[in-house]
Amino acid sequence: MTTLYSFLDQHSLYVVLIIVLVIWAGIFLYLYRLDKRINKLYSKSESILNDIHTHKEEHK
């Protein structure tokens, strides 16, 4: 266990860089999934609005 502590003590810059990289990867994945959900909702709302518009034209 002391070798692990000494490794982390000697290479603390790399440990910080790895942690920051993991955080940025998590942010990127979150934004990517959020973008996919927003695009799906947008296309679904366009479809609903299209259906409403065609339904109104049929009853004129």
PDB file of N, CA and C in Angstrom:
ATOM      1  N   MET A   1       0.823  -1.185   0.000  1.00  0.00           N
ATOM      2  CA  MET A   1       0.000   0.000   0.000  1.00  0.00           C
ATOM      3  C   MET A   1       0.874   1.258   0.000  1.00  0.00           C
ATOM      4  N   THR A   2       2.027   1.171   0.619  1.00  0.00           N
ATOM      5  CA  THR A   2       2.902   2.349   0.642  1.00  0.00           C
ATOM      6  C   THR A   2       3.433   2.667  -0.745  1.00  0.00           C
ATOM      7  N   THR A   3       3.582   1.647  -1.583  1.00  0.00           N
ATOM      8  CA  THR A   3       4.054   1.926  -2.944  1.00  0.00           C
ATOM      9  C   THR A   3       3.002   2.698  -3.730  1.00  0.00           C
ATOM     10  N   LEU A   4       1.739   2.410  -3.473  1.00  0.00           N
ATOM     11  CA  LEU A   4       0.674   3.155  -4.140  1.00  0.00           C
ATOM     12  C   LEU A   4       0.692   4.609  -3.694  1.00  0.00           C
ATOM     13  N   TYR A   5       0.839   4.833  -2.406  1.00  0.00           N
ATOM     14  CA  TYR A   5       0.897   6.206  -1.902  1.00  0.00           C
ATOM     15  C   TYR A   5       2.111   6.949  -2.452  1.00  0.00           C
ATOM     16  N   SER A   6       3.229   6.267  -2.519  1.00  0.00           N
ATOM     17  CA  SER A   6       4.425   6.934  -3.042  1.00  0.00           C
ATOM     18  C   SER A   6       4.274   7.214  -4.536  1.00  0.00           C
ATOM     19  N   PHE A   7       3.641   6.299  -5.261  1.00  0.00           N
ATOM     20  CA  PHE A   7       3.397   6.539  -6.691  1.00  0.00           C
ATOM     21  C   PHE A   7       2.497   7.751  -6.879  1.00  0.00           C
ATOM     22  N   LEU A   8       1.399   7.813  -6.113  1.00  0.00           N
ATOM     23  CA  LEU A   8       0.481   8.943  -6.229  1.00  0.00           C
ATOM     24  C   LEU A   8       1.144  10.245  -5.795  1.00  0.00           C
ATOM     25  N   ASP A   9       2.024  10.165  -4.815  1.00  0.00           N
ATOM     26  CA  ASP A   9       2.722  11.356  -4.348  1.00  0.00           C
ATOM     27  C   ASP A   9       3.712  11.854  -5.396  1.00  0.00           C
ATOM     28  N   GLN A  10       4.381  10.950  -6.062  1.00  0.00           N
ATOM     29  CA  GLN A  10       5.386  11.338  -7.052  1.00  0.00           C
ATOM     30  C   GLN A  10       4.763  11.748  -8.386  1.00  0.00           C
ATOM     31  N   HIS A  11       3.601  11.238  -8.692  1.00  0.00           N
ATOM     32  CA  HIS A  11       2.963  11.502  -9.983  1.00  0.00           C
ATOM     33  C   HIS A  11       1.607  12.181  -9.806  1.00  0.00           C
ATOM     34  N   SER A  12       1.539  13.117  -8.888  1.00  0.00           N
ATOM     35  CA  SER A  12       0.253  13.750  -8.595  1.00  0.00           C
ATOM     36  C   SER A  12      -0.283  14.546  -9.785  1.00  0.00           C
ATOM     37  N   LEU A  13       0.594  15.090 -10.614  1.00  0.00           N
ATOM     38  CA  LEU A  13       0.143  15.837 -11.787  1.00  0.00           C
ATOM     39  C   LEU A  13      -0.623  14.923 -12.741  1.00  0.00           C
ATOM     40  N   TYR A  14      -0.124  13.720 -12.954  1.00  0.00           N
ATOM     41  CA  TYR A  14      -0.806  12.783 -13.848  1.00  0.00           C
ATOM     42  C   TYR A  14      -2.149  12.335 -13.275  1.00  0.00           C
ATOM     43  N   VAL A  15      -2.206  12.183 -11.977  1.00  0.00           N
ATOM     44  CA  VAL A  15      -3.467  11.801 -11.339  1.00  0.00           C
ATOM     45  C   VAL A  15      -4.505  12.898 -11.550  1.00  0.00           C
ATOM     46  N   VAL A  16      -4.105  14.139 -11.373  1.00  0.00           N
ATOM     47  CA  VAL A  16      -5.023  15.259 -11.584  1.00  0.00           C
ATOM     48  C   VAL A  16      -5.457  15.314 -13.042  1.00  0.00           C
ATOM     49  N   LEU A  17      -4.531  15.122 -13.965  1.00  0.00           N
ATOM     50  CA  LEU A  17      -4.873  15.147 -15.389  1.00  0.00           C
ATOM     51  C   LEU A  17      -5.854  14.037 -15.751  1.00  0.00           C
ATOM     52  N   ILE A  18      -5.680  12.862 -15.188  1.00  0.00           N
ATOM     53  CA  ILE A  18      -6.602  11.754 -15.460  1.00  0.00           C
ATOM     54  C   ILE A  18      -7.989  12.072 -14.905  1.00  0.00           C
ATOM     55  N   ILE A  19      -8.042  12.630 -13.711  1.00  0.00           N
ATOM     56  CA  ILE A  19      -9.339  12.982 -13.119  1.00  0.00           C
ATOM     57  C   ILE A  19     -10.049  14.035 -13.960  1.00  0.00           C
ATOM     58  N   VAL A  20      -9.314  15.049 -14.408  1.00  0.00           N
ATOM     59  CA  VAL A  20      -9.905  16.096 -15.244  1.00  0.00           C
ATOM     60  C   VAL A  20     -10.379  15.509 -16.568  1.00  0.00           C
ATOM     61  N   LEU A  21      -9.610  14.595 -17.134  1.00  0.00           N
ATOM     62  CA  LEU A  21     -10.004  13.949 -18.388  1.00  0.00           C
ATOM     63  C   LEU A  21     -11.292  13.149 -18.214  1.00  0.00           C
ATOM     64  N   VAL A  22     -11.417  12.445 -17.108  1.00  0.00           N
ATOM     65  CA  VAL A  22     -12.636  11.678 -16.840  1.00  0.00           C
ATOM     66  C   VAL A  22     -13.831  12.618 -16.674  1.00  0.00           C
ATOM     67  N   ILE A  23     -13.624  13.738 -16.000  1.00  0.00           N
ATOM     68  CA  ILE A  23     -14.715  14.707 -15.828  1.00  0.00           C
ATOM     69  C   ILE A  23     -15.148  15.269 -17.176  1.00  0.00           C
ATOM     70  N   TRP A  24     -14.194  15.659 -18.028  1.00  0.00           N
ATOM     71  CA  TRP A  24     -14.541  16.193 -19.354  1.00  0.00           C
ATOM     72  C   TRP A  24     -15.229  15.145 -20.216  1.00  0.00           C
ATOM     73  N   ALA A  25     -14.797  13.895 -20.118  1.00  0.00           N
ATOM     74  CA  ALA A  25     -15.460  12.828 -20.879  1.00  0.00           C
ATOM     75  C   ALA A  25     -16.899  12.663 -20.408  1.00  0.00           C
ATOM     76  N   GLY A  26     -17.130  12.755 -19.107  1.00  0.00           N
ATOM     77  CA  GLY A  26     -18.493  12.669 -18.583  1.00  0.00           C
ATOM     78  C   GLY A  26     -19.360  13.818 -19.054  1.00  0.00           C
ATOM     79  N   ILE A  27     -18.802  15.025 -19.073  1.00  0.00           N
ATOM     80  CA  ILE A  27     -19.556  16.182 -19.568  1.00  0.00           C
ATOM     81  C   ILE A  27     -19.885  16.001 -21.043  1.00  0.00           C
ATOM     82  N   PHE A  28     -18.922  15.537 -21.829  1.00  0.00           N
ATOM     83  CA  PHE A  28     -19.150  15.323 -23.253  1.00  0.00           C
ATOM     84  C   PHE A  28     -20.244  14.284 -23.479  1.00  0.00           C
ATOM     85  N   LEU A  29     -20.191  13.172 -22.761  1.00  0.00           N
ATOM     86  CA  LEU A  29     -21.210  12.135 -22.926  1.00  0.00           C
ATOM     87  C   LEU A  29     -22.590  12.640 -22.512  1.00  0.00           C
ATOM     88  N   TYR A  30     -22.658  13.411 -21.445  1.00  0.00           N
ATOM     89  CA  TYR A  30     -23.935  13.973 -21.005  1.00  0.00           C
ATOM     90  C   TYR A  30     -24.515  14.900 -22.068  1.00  0.00           C
ATOM     91  N   LEU A  31     -23.686  15.780 -22.618  1.00  0.00           N
ATOM     92  CA  LEU A  31     -24.167  16.709 -23.644  1.00  0.00           C
ATOM     93  C   LEU A  31     -24.565  15.980 -24.919  1.00  0.00           C
ATOM     94  N   TYR A  32     -23.841  14.923 -25.273  1.00  0.00           N
ATOM     95  CA  TYR A  32     -24.167  14.140 -26.465  1.00  0.00           C
ATOM     96  C   TYR A  32     -25.532  13.467 -26.300  1.00  0.00           C
ATOM     97  N   ARG A  33     -25.754  12.845 -25.147  1.00  0.00           N
ATOM     98  CA  ARG A  33     -27.047  12.190 -24.909  1.00  0.00           C
ATOM     99  C   ARG A  33     -28.178  13.204 -24.831  1.00  0.00           C
ATOM    100  N   LEU A  34     -27.917  14.362 -24.236  1.00  0.00           N
ATOM    101  CA  LEU A  34     -28.920  15.416 -24.154  1.00  0.00           C
ATOM    102  C   LEU A  34     -29.281  15.928 -25.546  1.00  0.00           C
ATOM    103  N   ASP A  35     -28.301  16.074 -26.418  1.00  0.00           N
ATOM    104  CA  ASP A  35     -28.551  16.514 -27.786  1.00  0.00           C
ATOM    105  C   ASP A  35     -29.407  15.502 -28.535  1.00  0.00           C
ATOM    106  N   LYS A  36     -29.131  14.215 -28.339  1.00  0.00           N
ATOM    107  CA  LYS A  36     -29.948  13.188 -28.990  1.00  0.00           C
ATOM    108  C   LYS A  36     -31.389  13.244 -28.506  1.00  0.00           C
ATOM    109  N   ARG A  37     -31.592  13.440 -27.204  1.00  0.00           N
ATOM    110  CA  ARG A  37     -32.954  13.528 -26.662  1.00  0.00           C
ATOM    111  C   ARG A  37     -33.681  14.758 -27.194  1.00  0.00           C
ATOM    112  N   ILE A  38     -32.977  15.882 -27.262  1.00  0.00           N
ATOM    113  CA  ILE A  38     -33.598  17.112 -27.761  1.00  0.00           C
ATOM    114  C   ILE A  38     -33.984  16.956 -29.223  1.00  0.00           C
ATOM    115  N   ASN A  39     -33.116  16.353 -30.022  1.00  0.00           N
ATOM    116  CA  ASN A  39     -33.441  16.136 -31.436  1.00  0.00           C
ATOM    117  C   ASN A  39     -34.642  15.216 -31.592  1.00  0.00           C
ATOM    118  N   LYS A  40     -34.735  14.201 -30.743  1.00  0.00           N
ATOM    119  CA  LYS A  40     -35.880  13.295 -30.808  1.00  0.00           C
ATOM    120  C   LYS A  40     -37.169  14.029 -30.447  1.00  0.00           C
ATOM    121  N   LEU A  41     -37.128  14.849 -29.400  1.00  0.00           N
ATOM    122  CA  LEU A  41     -38.305  15.629 -29.015  1.00  0.00           C
ATOM    123  C   LEU A  41     -38.681  16.638 -30.096  1.00  0.00           C
ATOM    124  N   TYR A  42     -37.694  17.249 -30.724  1.00  0.00           N
ATOM    125  CA  TYR A  42     -37.955  18.222 -31.779  1.00  0.00           C
ATOM    126  C   TYR A  42     -38.646  17.558 -32.964  1.00  0.00           C
ATOM    127  N   SER A  43     -38.141  16.399 -33.379  1.00  0.00           N
ATOM    128  CA  SER A  43     -38.766  15.722 -34.518  1.00  0.00           C
ATOM    129  C   SER A  43     -40.166  15.236 -34.157  1.00  0.00           C
ATOM    130  N   LYS A  44     -40.359  14.810 -32.915  1.00  0.00           N
ATOM    131  CA  LYS A  44     -41.685  14.376 -32.483  1.00  0.00           C
ATOM    132  C   LYS A  44     -42.658  15.555 -32.462  1.00  0.00           C
ATOM    133  N   SER A  45     -42.197  16.717 -31.996  1.00  0.00           N
ATOM    134  CA  SER A  45     -43.074  17.892 -31.962  1.00  0.00           C
ATOM    135  C   SER A  45     -43.395  18.373 -33.369  1.00  0.00           C
ATOM    136  N   GLU A  46     -42.436  18.291 -34.284  1.00  0.00           N
ATOM    137  CA  GLU A  46     -42.713  18.657 -35.678  1.00  0.00           C
ATOM    138  C   GLU A  46     -43.769  17.740 -36.271  1.00  0.00           C
ATOM    139  N   SER A  47     -43.683  16.460 -35.960  1.00  0.00           N
ATOM    140  CA  SER A  47     -44.655  15.498 -36.468  1.00  0.00           C
ATOM    141  C   SER A  47     -46.049  15.806 -35.929  1.00  0.00           C
ATOM    142  N   ILE A  48     -46.134  16.114 -34.652  1.00  0.00           N
ATOM    143  CA  ILE A  48     -47.436  16.431 -34.046  1.00  0.00           C
ATOM    144  C   ILE A  48     -48.007  17.702 -34.655  1.00  0.00           C
ATOM    145  N   LEU A  49     -47.180  18.729 -34.816  1.00  0.00           N
ATOM    146  CA  LEU A  49     -47.656  19.974 -35.418  1.00  0.00           C
ATOM    147  C   LEU A  49     -48.087  19.763 -36.864  1.00  0.00           C
ATOM    148  N   ASN A  50     -47.385  18.914 -37.577  1.00  0.00           N
ATOM    149  CA  ASN A  50     -47.748  18.586 -38.954  1.00  0.00           C
ATOM    150  C   ASN A  50     -49.109  17.902 -38.994  1.00  0.00           C
ATOM    151  N   ASP A  51     -49.329  16.969 -38.083  1.00  0.00           N
ATOM    152  CA  ASP A  51     -50.612  16.266 -38.033  1.00  0.00           C
ATOM    153  C   ASP A  51     -51.752  17.228 -37.701  1.00  0.00           C
ATOM    154  N   ILE A  52     -51.516  18.144 -36.782  1.00  0.00           N
ATOM    155  CA  ILE A  52     -52.550  19.119 -36.418  1.00  0.00           C
ATOM    156  C   ILE A  52     -52.862  20.016 -37.609  1.00  0.00           C
ATOM    157  N   HIS A  53     -51.826  20.441 -38.316  1.00  0.00           N
ATOM    158  CA  HIS A  53     -52.017  21.332 -39.457  1.00  0.00           C
ATOM    159  C   HIS A  53     -52.797  20.635 -40.572  1.00  0.00           C
ATOM    160  N   THR A  54     -52.476  19.390 -40.871  1.00  0.00           N
ATOM    161  CA  THR A  54     -53.200  18.677 -41.929  1.00  0.00           C
ATOM    162  C   THR A  54     -54.627  18.362 -41.491  1.00  0.00           C
ATOM    163  N   HIS A  55     -54.822  18.119 -40.198  1.00  0.00           N
ATOM    164  CA  HIS A  55     -56.165  17.839 -39.685  1.00  0.00           C
ATOM    165  C   HIS A  55     -57.054  19.075 -39.808  1.00  0.00           C
ATOM    166  N   LYS A  56     -56.503  20.260 -39.550  1.00  0.00           N
ATOM    167  CA  LYS A  56     -57.277  21.501 -39.681  1.00  0.00           C
ATOM    168  C   LYS A  56     -57.650  21.764 -41.136  1.00  0.00           C
ATOM    169  N   GLU A  57     -56.743  21.469 -42.062  1.00  0.00           N
ATOM    170  CA  GLU A  57     -57.017  21.719 -43.478  1.00  0.00           C
ATOM    171  C   GLU A  57     -58.090  20.780 -44.012  1.00  0.00           C
ATOM    172  N   GLU A  58     -58.165  19.578 -43.473  1.00  0.00           N
ATOM    173  CA  GLU A  58     -59.168  18.616 -43.937  1.00  0.00           C
ATOM    174  C   GLU A  58     -60.574  19.042 -43.535  1.00  0.00           C
ATOM    175  N   HIS A  59     -60.714  19.750 -42.433  1.00  0.00           N
ATOM    176  CA  HIS A  59     -62.033  20.130 -41.932  1.00  0.00           C
ATOM    177  C   HIS A  59     -62.483  21.509 -42.390  1.00  0.00           C
ATOM    178  N   LYS A  60     -61.762  22.143 -43.266  1.00  0.00           N
ATOM    179  CA  LYS A  60     -62.176  23.465 -43.767  1.00  0.00           C
ATOM    180  C   LYS A  60     -63.214  23.339 -44.834  1.00  0.00           C
TER     181      LYS A  60
END
